[in-house]
Amino acid sequence: MSLTNLEKKINSELTTKINSSRISHDQLEIQINRESLLDVVIFLKKNDSTKFRQLIDITAVDYLSLIHISEPTRQAEISYAVF
């Protein structure tokens, strides 16, 4: 399956879970909320069209944003490489 077709498949099956997706440097990048992580990983592993077998890499970025100086909130971004 081509990356373009894979991107279309994932976006069509997980419409409420995917925030954005793009193909860059021959890799499919998908952004999701952390609450969707388990559903997305299970889909990638169990779906007959995808059947990813191994989680290779996890990368996280932690952003600190201030709504009010006294009330900081954290936003995290995590990247996974699956094959």
Protein backbone atom coordinates (compact mmCIF):
# COMPACT_ATOMS: atom_id res chain seq x y z
CA MET A 1 0.00 0.00 0.00
CA SER A 2 1.38 3.43 -0.92
CA LEU A 3 1.84 6.11 1.71
CA THR A 4 -0.87 8.20 0.09
CA ASN A 5 -3.34 5.32 0.24
CA LEU A 6 -2.30 4.54 3.82
CA GLU A 7 -2.88 8.15 4.80
CA LYS A 8 -6.34 8.09 3.19
CA LYS A 9 -7.21 4.79 4.91
CA ILE A 10 -6.15 6.00 8.36
CA ASN A 11 -7.92 9.34 7.96
CA SER A 12 -11.14 7.69 6.75
CA GLU A 13 -11.20 5.07 9.51
CA LEU A 14 -10.07 7.34 12.36
CA THR A 15 -11.70 10.64 11.40
CA THR A 16 -12.42 11.66 15.00
CA LYS A 17 -8.96 10.63 16.25
CA ILE A 18 -6.65 12.29 13.68
CA ASN A 19 -5.87 16.00 14.11
CA SER A 20 -3.70 16.20 11.00
CA SER A 21 -1.56 14.07 8.73
CA ARG A 22 1.09 14.62 6.07
CA ILE A 23 3.70 12.76 4.09
CA SER A 24 7.19 14.14 4.57
CA HIS A 25 10.56 12.57 3.65
CA ASP A 26 8.82 9.33 2.62
CA GLN A 27 7.17 9.00 6.04
CA LEU A 28 3.57 9.41 7.10
CA GLU A 29 3.20 11.77 10.05
CA ILE A 30 -0.02 11.72 12.04
CA GLN A 31 -0.90 14.07 14.86
CA ILE A 32 -3.35 12.88 17.48
CA ASN A 33 -4.39 13.82 20.99
CA ARG A 34 -2.95 11.66 23.74
CA GLU A 35 -6.47 10.43 24.57
CA SER A 36 -6.61 8.81 21.11
CA LEU A 37 -3.26 7.03 21.34
CA LEU A 38 -4.52 3.58 22.32
CA ASP A 39 -7.29 3.53 19.69
CA VAL A 40 -4.89 4.63 16.93
CA VAL A 41 -2.16 2.13 17.86
CA ILE A 42 -4.67 -0.73 18.08
CA PHE A 43 -6.07 0.23 14.68
CA LEU A 44 -2.60 0.33 13.11
CA LYS A 45 -1.78 -3.10 14.51
CA LYS A 46 -5.08 -4.95 14.03
CA ASN A 47 -6.58 -3.52 10.83
CA ASP A 48 -6.24 -5.88 7.85
CA SER A 49 -5.08 -3.03 5.60
CA THR A 50 -2.31 -1.79 7.90
CA LYS A 51 -1.00 -4.58 10.18
CA PHE A 52 1.94 -2.69 11.65
CA ARG A 53 4.06 -5.11 13.67
CA GLN A 54 6.55 -3.13 15.72
CA LEU A 55 6.79 0.17 17.57
CA ILE A 56 10.30 1.47 16.87
CA ASP A 57 10.60 4.92 18.37
CA ILE A 58 8.79 7.32 20.70
CA THR A 59 9.64 11.01 20.79
CA ALA A 60 7.93 13.59 22.98
CA VAL A 61 7.95 17.37 23.04
CA ASP A 62 6.63 19.15 26.12
CA TYR A 63 5.39 22.70 25.65
CA LEU A 64 4.70 25.02 28.57
CA SER A 65 2.09 27.63 27.75
CA LEU A 66 0.86 30.27 30.15
CA ILE A 67 -2.78 31.32 30.20
CA HIS A 68 -2.17 33.41 33.28
CA ILE A 69 1.21 33.70 34.92
CA SER A 70 -0.16 31.91 38.01
CA GLU A 71 -1.90 29.12 36.03
CA PRO A 72 0.55 27.27 33.74
CA THR A 73 -0.78 24.47 31.55
CA ARG A 74 1.25 21.79 29.78
CA GLN A 75 0.75 20.50 26.28
CA ALA A 76 2.67 17.46 25.12
CA GLU A 77 3.42 16.23 21.63
CA ILE A 78 4.63 12.65 21.19
CA SER A 79 5.91 11.07 17.98
CA TYR A 80 5.90 7.32 17.32
CA ALA A 81 7.61 5.41 14.55
CA VAL A 82 5.81 2.17 13.73
CA PHE A 83 6.62 -0.44 11.11
